[in-house]
């Protein structure tokens, strides 16, 4: 993972993925799901 401001973009992306996977009837973001495997783990 890089250092600095770009790291903060992972937080909302992770939240959108989490919400989409757990609450698909209320929130769905297909673009976030497409990026799931591309975000760093760790």
Protein backbone atom coordinates (compact mmCIF):
# COMPACT_ATOMS: atom_id res chain seq x y z
CA UNK A 1 0.00 0.00 0.00
CA UNK A 2 1.18 3.52 -0.68
CA UNK A 3 1.60 6.23 1.92
CA UNK A 4 -0.52 9.33 2.19
CA UNK A 5 -3.84 10.60 0.95
CA UNK A 6 -4.43 7.93 -1.74
CA UNK A 7 -4.72 5.35 1.06
CA UNK A 8 -7.83 7.10 2.35
CA UNK A 9 -9.68 6.17 -0.83
CA UNK A 10 -9.55 2.50 0.16
CA UNK A 11 -11.71 3.10 3.23
CA UNK A 12 -14.87 4.21 1.39
CA UNK A 13 -14.28 1.59 -1.30
CA UNK A 14 -14.03 -1.13 1.34
CA UNK A 15 -17.20 0.19 2.99
CA UNK A 16 -19.07 0.10 -0.33
CA UNK A 17 -17.96 -3.50 -0.92
CA UNK A 18 -18.95 -4.50 2.61
CA UNK A 19 -22.37 -2.87 2.28
CA UNK A 20 -23.01 -4.39 -1.12
CA UNK A 21 -22.12 -7.90 0.04
CA UNK A 22 -24.07 -7.77 3.29
CA UNK A 23 -27.06 -5.60 2.36
CA UNK A 24 -27.68 -6.15 -1.37
CA UNK A 25 -31.40 -5.32 -1.04
CA UNK A 26 -30.57 -1.82 0.21
CA UNK A 27 -27.25 -0.98 -1.40
CA UNK A 28 -25.58 -2.25 -4.56
CA UNK A 29 -22.35 -0.99 -6.10
CA UNK A 30 -21.26 -3.25 -8.95
CA UNK A 31 -18.24 -1.05 -9.73
CA UNK A 32 -16.91 -1.50 -6.19
CA UNK A 33 -17.34 -5.27 -6.44
CA UNK A 34 -15.33 -5.31 -9.66
CA UNK A 35 -12.43 -3.67 -7.80
CA UNK A 36 -12.58 -5.99 -4.78
CA UNK A 37 -9.73 -8.25 -5.91
CA UNK A 38 -7.55 -5.31 -6.88
CA UNK A 39 -7.35 -3.52 -3.52
CA UNK A 40 -4.39 -4.30 -1.24
CA UNK A 41 -4.94 -6.61 1.70
CA UNK A 42 -3.16 -5.34 4.67
